[in-house]
Amino acid sequence: MIPGLAAYNTNIPRAYIDGGYYTRTRENRPLIGPLPVRGAYIIGALSGFGLMAACAAAELLADYITAAPLPSYAAAFQLDRYDDPAYVSLLEHWGDAGQL
């Protein structure tokens, strides 16, 4: 998946994967931003597309931590979106969550 890492792929034991879980939210939208505990932040529920989204998610989280201006879409990934009755109502009719 990451060709540049091939140089480090020598004498590595063969991996065995027995199963696993992808963490995801109900609507399959990641959690990125501050938590209710002062100084605590979350970046998670990347639902199997973490490798593709990790850099952008980390940049957004860094904006929170450094108090940089946030992009217009930042609130869509905050945990407190579930405190908004309009958003919770929207979830009731969300339909296909876009699961990978």
PDB file of N, CA and C in Angstrom:
ATOM      1  N   MET A   1       0.822  -1.195   0.000  1.00  0.00           N
ATOM      2  CA  MET A   1       0.000   0.000   0.000  1.00  0.00           C
ATOM      3  C   MET A   1       0.869   1.264   0.000  1.00  0.00           C
ATOM      4  N   ILE A   2       2.027   1.183   0.618  1.00  0.00           N
ATOM      5  CA  ILE A   2       2.921   2.339   0.667  1.00  0.00           C
ATOM      6  C   ILE A   2       4.265   1.883   0.114  1.00  0.00           C
ATOM      7  N   PRO A   3       4.481   2.078  -1.185  1.00  0.00           N
ATOM      8  CA  PRO A   3       5.681   1.537  -1.846  1.00  0.00           C
ATOM      9  C   PRO A   3       6.998   1.948  -1.191  1.00  0.00           C
ATOM     10  N   GLY A   4       7.095   3.133  -0.646  1.00  0.00           N
ATOM     11  CA  GLY A   4       8.337   3.588  -0.046  1.00  0.00           C
ATOM     12  C   GLY A   4       8.777   2.757   1.150  1.00  0.00           C
ATOM     13  N   LEU A   5       7.850   2.015   1.754  1.00  0.00           N
ATOM     14  CA  LEU A   5       8.196   1.183   2.903  1.00  0.00           C
ATOM     15  C   LEU A   5       8.794  -0.161   2.491  1.00  0.00           C
ATOM     16  N   ALA A   6       8.819  -0.467   1.212  1.00  0.00           N
ATOM     17  CA  ALA A   6       9.344  -1.746   0.730  1.00  0.00           C
ATOM     18  C   ALA A   6      10.796  -1.954   1.149  1.00  0.00           C
ATOM     19  N   ALA A   7      11.561  -0.884   1.278  1.00  0.00           N
ATOM     20  CA  ALA A   7      12.967  -0.994   1.681  1.00  0.00           C
ATOM     21  C   ALA A   7      13.111  -1.573   3.084  1.00  0.00           C
ATOM     22  N   TYR A   8      12.091  -1.449   3.900  1.00  0.00           N
ATOM     23  CA  TYR A   8      12.138  -1.955   5.273  1.00  0.00           C
ATOM     24  C   TYR A   8      11.526  -3.340   5.403  1.00  0.00           C
ATOM     25  N   ASN A   9      11.077  -3.898   4.304  1.00  0.00           N
ATOM     26  CA  ASN A   9      10.363  -5.170   4.311  1.00  0.00           C
ATOM     27  C   ASN A   9      11.320  -6.350   4.145  1.00  0.00           C
ATOM     28  N   THR A  10      12.296  -6.479   5.033  1.00  0.00           N
ATOM     29  CA  THR A  10      13.229  -7.611   4.983  1.00  0.00           C
ATOM     30  C   THR A  10      13.175  -8.351   6.320  1.00  0.00           C
ATOM     31  N   ASN A  11      13.143  -9.644   6.235  1.00  0.00           N
ATOM     32  CA  ASN A  11      13.125 -10.506   7.423  1.00  0.00           C
ATOM     33  C   ASN A  11      12.001 -10.179   8.396  1.00  0.00           C
ATOM     34  N   ILE A  12      10.870  -9.782   7.885  1.00  0.00           N
ATOM     35  CA  ILE A  12       9.710  -9.519   8.724  1.00  0.00           C
ATOM     36  C   ILE A  12       8.885 -10.794   8.786  1.00  0.00           C
ATOM     37  N   PRO A  13       8.503 -11.209   9.994  1.00  0.00           N
ATOM     38  CA  PRO A  13       7.683 -12.425  10.087  1.00  0.00           C
ATOM     39  C   PRO A  13       6.351 -12.238   9.359  1.00  0.00           C
ATOM     40  N   ARG A  14       5.848 -13.324   8.848  1.00  0.00           N
ATOM     41  CA  ARG A  14       4.568 -13.285   8.147  1.00  0.00           C
ATOM     42  C   ARG A  14       3.454 -12.986   9.158  1.00  0.00           C
ATOM     43  N   ALA A  15       2.673 -11.992   8.849  1.00  0.00           N
ATOM     44  CA  ALA A  15       1.583 -11.588   9.748  1.00  0.00           C
ATOM     45  C   ALA A  15       0.425 -12.582   9.650  1.00  0.00           C
ATOM     46  N   TYR A  16      -0.222 -12.791  10.763  1.00  0.00           N
ATOM     47  CA  TYR A  16      -1.407 -13.625  10.806  1.00  0.00           C
ATOM     48  C   TYR A  16      -2.531 -12.786  11.389  1.00  0.00           C
ATOM     49  N   ILE A  17      -3.594 -12.635  10.640  1.00  0.00           N
ATOM     50  CA  ILE A  17      -4.731 -11.850  11.098  1.00  0.00           C
ATOM     51  C   ILE A  17      -5.925 -12.779  11.211  1.00  0.00           C
ATOM     52  N   ASP A  18      -6.473 -12.839  12.402  1.00  0.00           N
ATOM     53  CA  ASP A  18      -7.594 -13.727  12.668  1.00  0.00           C
ATOM     54  C   ASP A  18      -8.934 -13.006  12.542  1.00  0.00           C
ATOM     55  N   GLY A  19      -8.907 -11.728  12.416  1.00  0.00           N
ATOM     56  CA  GLY A  19     -10.143 -10.963  12.334  1.00  0.00           C
ATOM     57  C   GLY A  19      -9.875  -9.556  12.800  1.00  0.00           C
ATOM     58  N   GLY A  20     -10.895  -8.769  12.817  1.00  0.00           N
ATOM     59  CA  GLY A  20     -10.713  -7.406  13.275  1.00  0.00           C
ATOM     60  C   GLY A  20     -12.000  -6.624  13.149  1.00  0.00           C
ATOM     61  N   TYR A  21     -11.947  -5.442  13.690  1.00  0.00           N
ATOM     62  CA  TYR A  21     -13.108  -4.572  13.662  1.00  0.00           C
ATOM     63  C   TYR A  21     -12.697  -3.200  13.173  1.00  0.00           C
ATOM     64  N   TYR A  22     -13.556  -2.585  12.419  1.00  0.00           N
ATOM     65  CA  TYR A  22     -13.394  -1.185  12.059  1.00  0.00           C
ATOM     66  C   TYR A  22     -14.296  -0.384  12.982  1.00  0.00           C
ATOM     67  N   THR A  23     -13.734   0.599  13.655  1.00  0.00           N
ATOM     68  CA  THR A  23     -14.578   1.454  14.485  1.00  0.00           C
ATOM     69  C   THR A  23     -15.220   2.496  13.589  1.00  0.00           C
ATOM     70  N   ARG A  24     -16.477   2.751  13.831  1.00  0.00           N
ATOM     71  CA  ARG A  24     -17.209   3.706  13.007  1.00  0.00           C
ATOM     72  C   ARG A  24     -18.355   4.290  13.813  1.00  0.00           C
ATOM     73  N   THR A  25     -18.802   5.436  13.392  1.00  0.00           N
ATOM     74  CA  THR A  25     -19.988   6.038  13.975  1.00  0.00           C
ATOM     75  C   THR A  25     -21.202   5.544  13.207  1.00  0.00           C
ATOM     76  N   ARG A  26     -22.365   5.833  13.731  1.00  0.00           N
ATOM     77  CA  ARG A  26     -23.606   5.375  13.103  1.00  0.00           C
ATOM     78  C   ARG A  26     -23.706   5.823  11.647  1.00  0.00           C
ATOM     79  N   GLU A  27     -23.306   7.067  11.390  1.00  0.00           N
ATOM     80  CA  GLU A  27     -23.408   7.603  10.041  1.00  0.00           C
ATOM     81  C   GLU A  27     -22.103   7.474   9.259  1.00  0.00           C
ATOM     82  N   ASN A  28     -21.138   6.753   9.838  1.00  0.00           N
ATOM     83  CA  ASN A  28     -19.864   6.476   9.183  1.00  0.00           C
ATOM     84  C   ASN A  28     -19.039   7.745   8.947  1.00  0.00           C
ATOM     85  N   ARG A  29     -19.172   8.692   9.866  1.00  0.00           N
ATOM     86  CA  ARG A  29     -18.403   9.942   9.785  1.00  0.00           C
ATOM     87  C   ARG A  29     -17.404   9.946  10.947  1.00  0.00           C
ATOM     88  N   PRO A  30     -16.122  10.190  10.695  1.00  0.00           N
ATOM     89  CA  PRO A  30     -15.117  10.143  11.766  1.00  0.00           C
ATOM     90  C   PRO A  30     -15.388  11.127  12.902  1.00  0.00           C
ATOM     91  N   LEU A  31     -14.721  10.882  14.016  1.00  0.00           N
ATOM     92  CA  LEU A  31     -14.734  11.780  15.162  1.00  0.00           C
ATOM     93  C   LEU A  31     -13.380  12.480  15.217  1.00  0.00           C
ATOM     94  N   ILE A  32     -13.392  13.797  15.096  1.00  0.00           N
ATOM     95  CA  ILE A  32     -12.156  14.579  15.117  1.00  0.00           C
ATOM     96  C   ILE A  32     -12.440  15.876  15.852  1.00  0.00           C
ATOM     97  N   GLY A  33     -11.733  16.101  16.943  1.00  0.00           N
ATOM     98  CA  GLY A  33     -11.916  17.359  17.642  1.00  0.00           C
ATOM     99  C   GLY A  33     -11.792  17.234  19.144  1.00  0.00           C
ATOM    100  N   PRO A  34     -12.216  18.280  19.847  1.00  0.00           N
ATOM    101  CA  PRO A  34     -12.086  18.298  21.309  1.00  0.00           C
ATOM    102  C   PRO A  34     -13.098  17.375  21.982  1.00  0.00           C
ATOM    103  N   LEU A  35     -12.716  16.895  23.159  1.00  0.00           N
ATOM    104  CA  LEU A  35     -13.602  16.104  24.008  1.00  0.00           C
ATOM    105  C   LEU A  35     -14.091  16.975  25.155  1.00  0.00           C
ATOM    106  N   PRO A  36     -15.098  16.523  25.897  1.00  0.00           N
ATOM    107  CA  PRO A  36     -15.597  17.329  27.017  1.00  0.00           C
ATOM    108  C   PRO A  36     -14.558  17.568  28.123  1.00  0.00           C
ATOM    109  N   VAL A  37     -13.531  16.745  28.196  1.00  0.00           N
ATOM    110  CA  VAL A  37     -12.471  16.907  29.188  1.00  0.00           C
ATOM    111  C   VAL A  37     -11.456  17.910  28.654  1.00  0.00           C
ATOM    112  N   ARG A  38     -11.203  18.967  29.409  1.00  0.00           N
ATOM    113  CA  ARG A  38     -10.298  20.028  28.957  1.00  0.00           C
ATOM    114  C   ARG A  38      -8.922  19.451  28.594  1.00  0.00           C
ATOM    115  N   GLY A  39      -8.450  19.795  27.408  1.00  0.00           N
ATOM    116  CA  GLY A  39      -7.146  19.351  26.944  1.00  0.00           C
ATOM    117  C   GLY A  39      -7.139  17.978  26.300  1.00  0.00           C
ATOM    118  N   ALA A  40      -8.285  17.332  26.203  1.00  0.00           N
ATOM    119  CA  ALA A  40      -8.370  16.004  25.583  1.00  0.00           C
ATOM    120  C   ALA A  40      -9.030  16.129  24.213  1.00  0.00           C
ATOM    121  N   TYR A  41      -8.535  15.364  23.267  1.00  0.00           N
ATOM    122  CA  TYR A  41      -9.018  15.415  21.893  1.00  0.00           C
ATOM    123  C   TYR A  41      -9.220  13.999  21.378  1.00  0.00           C
ATOM    124  N   ILE A  42      -9.986  13.885  20.315  1.00  0.00           N
ATOM    125  CA  ILE A  42     -10.230  12.575  19.707  1.00  0.00           C
ATOM    126  C   ILE A  42      -9.959  12.644  18.210  1.00  0.00           C
ATOM    127  N   ILE A  43      -9.405  11.570  17.719  1.00  0.00           N
ATOM    128  CA  ILE A  43      -9.327  11.330  16.277  1.00  0.00           C
ATOM    129  C   ILE A  43      -9.548   9.825  16.140  1.00  0.00           C
ATOM    130  N   GLY A  44     -10.690   9.454  15.632  1.00  0.00           N
ATOM    131  CA  GLY A  44     -11.012   8.034  15.565  1.00  0.00           C
ATOM    132  C   GLY A  44     -12.244   7.768  14.747  1.00  0.00           C
ATOM    133  N   ALA A  45     -12.678   6.513  14.802  1.00  0.00           N
ATOM    134  CA  ALA A  45     -13.832   6.039  14.036  1.00  0.00           C
ATOM    135  C   ALA A  45     -13.619   6.292  12.550  1.00  0.00           C
ATOM    136  N   LEU A  46     -12.407   6.005  12.082  1.00  0.00           N
ATOM    137  CA  LEU A  46     -12.080   6.242  10.676  1.00  0.00           C
ATOM    138  C   LEU A  46     -12.602   5.135   9.762  1.00  0.00           C
ATOM    139  N   SER A  47     -13.213   4.112  10.316  1.00  0.00           N
ATOM    140  CA  SER A  47     -14.026   3.144   9.589  1.00  0.00           C
ATOM    141  C   SER A  47     -13.346   2.428   8.437  1.00  0.00           C
ATOM    142  N   GLY A  48     -12.092   2.109   8.562  1.00  0.00           N
ATOM    143  CA  GLY A  48     -11.438   1.353   7.503  1.00  0.00           C
ATOM    144  C   GLY A  48     -10.812   2.200   6.429  1.00  0.00           C
ATOM    145  N   PHE A  49     -11.057   3.492   6.419  1.00  0.00           N
ATOM    146  CA  PHE A  49     -10.383   4.340   5.434  1.00  0.00           C
ATOM    147  C   PHE A  49      -9.354   5.239   6.110  1.00  0.00           C
ATOM    148  N   GLY A  50      -8.848   4.805   7.272  1.00  0.00           N
ATOM    149  CA  GLY A  50      -7.888   5.588   8.042  1.00  0.00           C
ATOM    150  C   GLY A  50      -6.614   5.904   7.301  1.00  0.00           C
ATOM    151  N   LEU A  51      -6.091   4.955   6.542  1.00  0.00           N
ATOM    152  CA  LEU A  51      -4.852   5.195   5.803  1.00  0.00           C
ATOM    153  C   LEU A  51      -5.032   6.342   4.818  1.00  0.00           C
ATOM    154  N   MET A  52      -6.186   6.429   4.223  1.00  0.00           N
ATOM    155  CA  MET A  52      -6.444   7.484   3.241  1.00  0.00           C
ATOM    156  C   MET A  52      -6.789   8.810   3.909  1.00  0.00           C
ATOM    157  N   ALA A  53      -7.414   8.770   5.077  1.00  0.00           N
ATOM    158  CA  ALA A  53      -7.900   9.991   5.721  1.00  0.00           C
ATOM    159  C   ALA A  53      -7.024  10.481   6.864  1.00  0.00           C
ATOM    160  N   ALA A  54      -6.045   9.696   7.276  1.00  0.00           N
ATOM    161  CA  ALA A  54      -5.275  10.013   8.480  1.00  0.00           C
ATOM    162  C   ALA A  54      -4.578  11.365   8.413  1.00  0.00           C
ATOM    163  N   CYS A  55      -3.974  11.696   7.301  1.00  0.00           N
ATOM    164  CA  CYS A  55      -3.238  12.963   7.219  1.00  0.00           C
ATOM    165  C   CYS A  55      -4.179  14.163   7.327  1.00  0.00           C
ATOM    166  N   ALA A  56      -5.287  14.123   6.625  1.00  0.00           N
ATOM    167  CA  ALA A  56      -6.249  15.231   6.695  1.00  0.00           C
ATOM    168  C   ALA A  56      -6.881  15.305   8.080  1.00  0.00           C
ATOM    169  N   ALA A  57      -7.172  14.150   8.678  1.00  0.00           N
ATOM    170  CA  ALA A  57      -7.752  14.136  10.023  1.00  0.00           C
ATOM    171  C   ALA A  57      -6.757  14.709  11.032  1.00  0.00           C
ATOM    172  N   ALA A  58      -5.498  14.347  10.900  1.00  0.00           N
ATOM    173  CA  ALA A  58      -4.473  14.856  11.809  1.00  0.00           C
ATOM    174  C   ALA A  58      -4.279  16.361  11.638  1.00  0.00           C
ATOM    175  N   GLU A  59      -4.352  16.836  10.410  1.00  0.00           N
ATOM    176  CA  GLU A  59      -4.227  18.278  10.176  1.00  0.00           C
ATOM    177  C   GLU A  59      -5.383  19.035  10.836  1.00  0.00           C
ATOM    178  N   LEU A  60      -6.592  18.499  10.720  1.00  0.00           N
ATOM    179  CA  LEU A  60      -7.743  19.127  11.362  1.00  0.00           C
ATOM    180  C   LEU A  60      -7.578  19.132  12.883  1.00  0.00           C
ATOM    181  N   LEU A  61      -7.140  17.999  13.439  1.00  0.00           N
ATOM    182  CA  LEU A  61      -6.939  17.929  14.879  1.00  0.00           C
ATOM    183  C   LEU A  61      -5.845  18.904  15.330  1.00  0.00           C
ATOM    184  N   ALA A  62      -4.794  19.033  14.541  1.00  0.00           N
ATOM    185  CA  ALA A  62      -3.728  19.989  14.863  1.00  0.00           C
ATOM    186  C   ALA A  62      -4.268  21.416  14.888  1.00  0.00           C
ATOM    187  N   ASP A  63      -5.210  21.728  14.004  1.00  0.00           N
ATOM    188  CA  ASP A  63      -5.836  23.058  14.018  1.00  0.00           C
ATOM    189  C   ASP A  63      -6.559  23.311  15.339  1.00  0.00           C
ATOM    190  N   TYR A  64      -7.240  22.289  15.850  1.00  0.00           N
ATOM    191  CA  TYR A  64      -7.903  22.431  17.149  1.00  0.00           C
ATOM    192  C   TYR A  64      -6.872  22.678  18.254  1.00  0.00           C
ATOM    193  N   ILE A  65      -5.852  21.848  18.272  1.00  0.00           N
ATOM    194  CA  ILE A  65      -4.865  21.907  19.349  1.00  0.00           C
ATOM    195  C   ILE A  65      -4.108  23.233  19.355  1.00  0.00           C
ATOM    196  N   THR A  66      -3.812  23.748  18.176  1.00  0.00           N
ATOM    197  CA  THR A  66      -3.035  24.994  18.077  1.00  0.00           C
ATOM    198  C   THR A  66      -3.909  26.228  17.995  1.00  0.00           C
ATOM    199  N   ALA A  67      -5.214  26.063  18.093  1.00  0.00           N
ATOM    200  CA  ALA A  67      -6.180  27.167  17.997  1.00  0.00           C
ATOM    201  C   ALA A  67      -6.076  27.906  16.668  1.00  0.00           C
ATOM    202  N   ALA A  68      -5.734  27.179  15.621  1.00  0.00           N
ATOM    203  CA  ALA A  68      -5.694  27.748  14.274  1.00  0.00           C
ATOM    204  C   ALA A  68      -7.131  27.893  13.756  1.00  0.00           C
ATOM    205  N   PRO A  69      -7.334  28.718  12.746  1.00  0.00           N
ATOM    206  CA  PRO A  69      -8.680  28.813  12.168  1.00  0.00           C
ATOM    207  C   PRO A  69      -9.132  27.444  11.649  1.00  0.00           C
ATOM    208  N   LEU A  70     -10.380  27.101  11.921  1.00  0.00           N
ATOM    209  CA  LEU A  70     -10.916  25.811  11.503  1.00  0.00           C
ATOM    210  C   LEU A  70     -11.612  25.930  10.155  1.00  0.00           C
ATOM    211  N   PRO A  71     -11.543  24.885   9.341  1.00  0.00           N
ATOM    212  CA  PRO A  71     -12.283  24.898   8.078  1.00  0.00           C
ATOM    213  C   PRO A  71     -13.788  24.847   8.343  1.00  0.00           C
ATOM    214  N   SER A  72     -14.561  25.222   7.363  1.00  0.00           N
ATOM    215  CA  SER A  72     -16.017  25.301   7.527  1.00  0.00           C
ATOM    216  C   SER A  72     -16.651  23.949   7.871  1.00  0.00           C
ATOM    217  N   TYR A  73     -16.010  22.858   7.503  1.00  0.00           N
ATOM    218  CA  TYR A  73     -16.586  21.536   7.723  1.00  0.00           C
ATOM    219  C   TYR A  73     -16.196  20.916   9.072  1.00  0.00           C
ATOM    220  N   ALA A  74     -15.413  21.586   9.868  1.00  0.00           N
ATOM    221  CA  ALA A  74     -14.864  21.005  11.102  1.00  0.00           C
ATOM    222  C   ALA A  74     -15.951  20.486  12.040  1.00  0.00           C
ATOM    223  N   ALA A  75     -17.025  21.215  12.200  1.00  0.00           N
ATOM    224  CA  ALA A  75     -18.084  20.807  13.139  1.00  0.00           C
ATOM    225  C   ALA A  75     -18.723  19.472  12.753  1.00  0.00           C
ATOM    226  N   ALA A  76     -18.656  19.102  11.492  1.00  0.00           N
ATOM    227  CA  ALA A  76     -19.264  17.843  11.038  1.00  0.00           C
ATOM    228  C   ALA A  76     -18.594  16.626  11.644  1.00  0.00           C
ATOM    229  N   PHE A  77     -17.387  16.791  12.195  1.00  0.00           N
ATOM    230  CA  PHE A  77     -16.649  15.666  12.763  1.00  0.00           C
ATOM    231  C   PHE A  77     -16.539  15.720  14.280  1.00  0.00           C
ATOM    232  N   GLN A  78     -17.113  16.724  14.911  1.00  0.00           N
ATOM    233  CA  GLN A  78     -17.011  16.860  16.363  1.00  0.00           C
ATOM    234  C   GLN A  78     -17.938  15.895  17.083  1.00  0.00           C
ATOM    235  N   LEU A  79     -17.506  15.454  18.252  1.00  0.00           N
ATOM    236  CA  LEU A  79     -18.324  14.559  19.069  1.00  0.00           C
ATOM    237  C   LEU A  79     -19.623  15.217  19.502  1.00  0.00           C
ATOM    238  N   ASP A  80     -19.591  16.509  19.767  1.00  0.00           N
ATOM    239  CA  ASP A  80     -20.801  17.181  20.270  1.00  0.00           C
ATOM    240  C   ASP A  80     -21.887  17.344  19.215  1.00  0.00           C
ATOM    241  N   ARG A  81     -21.660  16.867  18.009  1.00  0.00           N
ATOM    242  CA  ARG A  81     -22.735  16.899  17.008  1.00  0.00           C
ATOM    243  C   ARG A  81     -23.924  16.067  17.470  1.00  0.00           C
ATOM    244  N   TYR A  82     -23.664  15.075  18.321  1.00  0.00           N
ATOM    245  CA  TYR A  82     -24.743  14.226  18.828  1.00  0.00           C
ATOM    246  C   TYR A  82     -25.564  14.911  19.916  1.00  0.00           C
ATOM    247  N   ASP A  83     -25.140  16.080  20.356  1.00  0.00           N
ATOM    248  CA  ASP A  83     -25.914  16.882  21.309  1.00  0.00           C
ATOM    249  C   ASP A  83     -26.919  17.786  20.606  1.00  0.00           C
ATOM    250  N   ASP A  84     -26.826  17.869  19.291  1.00  0.00           N
ATOM    251  CA  ASP A  84     -27.709  18.724  18.494  1.00  0.00           C
ATOM    252  C   ASP A  84     -28.967  17.932  18.115  1.00  0.00           C
ATOM    253  N   PRO A  85     -30.138  18.310  18.641  1.00  0.00           N
ATOM    254  CA  PRO A  85     -31.362  17.569  18.328  1.00  0.00           C
ATOM    255  C   PRO A  85     -31.651  17.486  16.830  1.00  0.00           C
ATOM    256  N   ALA A  86     -31.327  18.513  16.083  1.00  0.00           N
ATOM    257  CA  ALA A  86     -31.565  18.490  14.628  1.00  0.00           C
ATOM    258  C   ALA A  86     -30.696  17.423  13.962  1.00  0.00           C
ATOM    259  N   TYR A  87     -29.447  17.289  14.419  1.00  0.00           N
ATOM    260  CA  TYR A  87     -28.552  16.283  13.849  1.00  0.00           C
ATOM    261  C   TYR A  87     -29.014  14.879  14.220  1.00  0.00           C
ATOM    262  N   VAL A  88     -29.411  14.699  15.463  1.00  0.00           N
ATOM    263  CA  VAL A  88     -29.904  13.391  15.908  1.00  0.00           C
ATOM    264  C   VAL A  88     -31.142  13.006  15.107  1.00  0.00           C
ATOM    265  N   SER A  89     -32.018  13.967  14.840  1.00  0.00           N
ATOM    266  CA  SER A  89     -33.199  13.708  14.022  1.00  0.00           C
ATOM    267  C   SER A  89     -32.797  13.330  12.593  1.00  0.00           C
ATOM    268  N   LEU A  90     -31.801  14.008  12.082  1.00  0.00           N
ATOM    269  CA  LEU A  90     -31.294  13.695  10.748  1.00  0.00           C
ATOM    270  C   LEU A  90     -30.794  12.251  10.687  1.00  0.00           C
ATOM    271  N   LEU A  91     -30.139  11.799  11.744  1.00  0.00           N
ATOM    272  CA  LEU A  91     -29.625  10.427  11.783  1.00  0.00           C
ATOM    273  C   LEU A  91     -30.736   9.389  11.679  1.00  0.00           C
ATOM    274  N   GLU A  92     -31.905   9.715  12.199  1.00  0.00           N
ATOM    275  CA  GLU A  92     -33.023   8.775  12.145  1.00  0.00           C
ATOM    276  C   GLU A  92     -33.434   8.456  10.704  1.00  0.00           C
ATOM    277  N   HIS A  93     -33.132   9.357   9.792  1.00  0.00           N
ATOM    278  CA  HIS A  93     -33.506   9.182   8.380  1.00  0.00           C
ATOM    279  C   HIS A  93     -32.287   9.179   7.467  1.00  0.00           C
ATOM    280  N   TRP A  94     -31.136   8.865   8.032  1.00  0.00           N
ATOM    281  CA  TRP A  94     -29.877   8.969   7.292  1.00  0.00           C
ATOM    282  C   TRP A  94     -29.832   8.036   6.087  1.00  0.00           C
ATOM    283  N   GLY A  95     -30.371   6.837   6.228  1.00  0.00           N
ATOM    284  CA  GLY A  95     -30.335   5.868   5.125  1.00  0.00           C
ATOM    285  C   GLY A  95     -29.009   5.118   5.107  1.00  0.00           C
ATOM    286  N   ASP A  96     -28.475   4.872   3.935  1.00  0.00           N
ATOM    287  CA  ASP A  96     -27.227   4.138   3.780  1.00  0.00           C
ATOM    288  C   ASP A  96     -26.092   4.903   4.428  1.00  0.00           C
ATOM    289  N   ALA A  97     -25.375   4.257   5.346  1.00  0.00           N
ATOM    290  CA  ALA A  97     -24.283   4.921   6.067  1.00  0.00           C
ATOM    291  C   ALA A  97     -22.983   4.895   5.282  1.00  0.00           C
ATOM    292  N   GLY A  98     -22.956   4.305   4.109  1.00  0.00           N
ATOM    293  CA  GLY A  98     -21.751   4.294   3.313  1.00  0.00           C
ATOM    294  C   GLY A  98     -20.669   3.377   3.858  1.00  0.00           C
ATOM    295  N   GLN A  99     -21.081   2.286   4.495  1.00  0.00           N
ATOM    296  CA  GLN A  99     -20.091   1.367   5.056  1.00  0.00           C
ATOM    297  C   GLN A  99     -19.240   0.776   3.958  1.00  0.00           C
ATOM    298  N   LEU A 100     -17.948   0.710   4.210  1.00  0.00           N
ATOM    299  CA  LEU A 100     -17.033   0.134   3.219  1.00  0.00           C
ATOM    300  C   LEU A 100     -17.200  -1.356   3.128  1.00  0.00           C
TER     301      LEU A 100
END
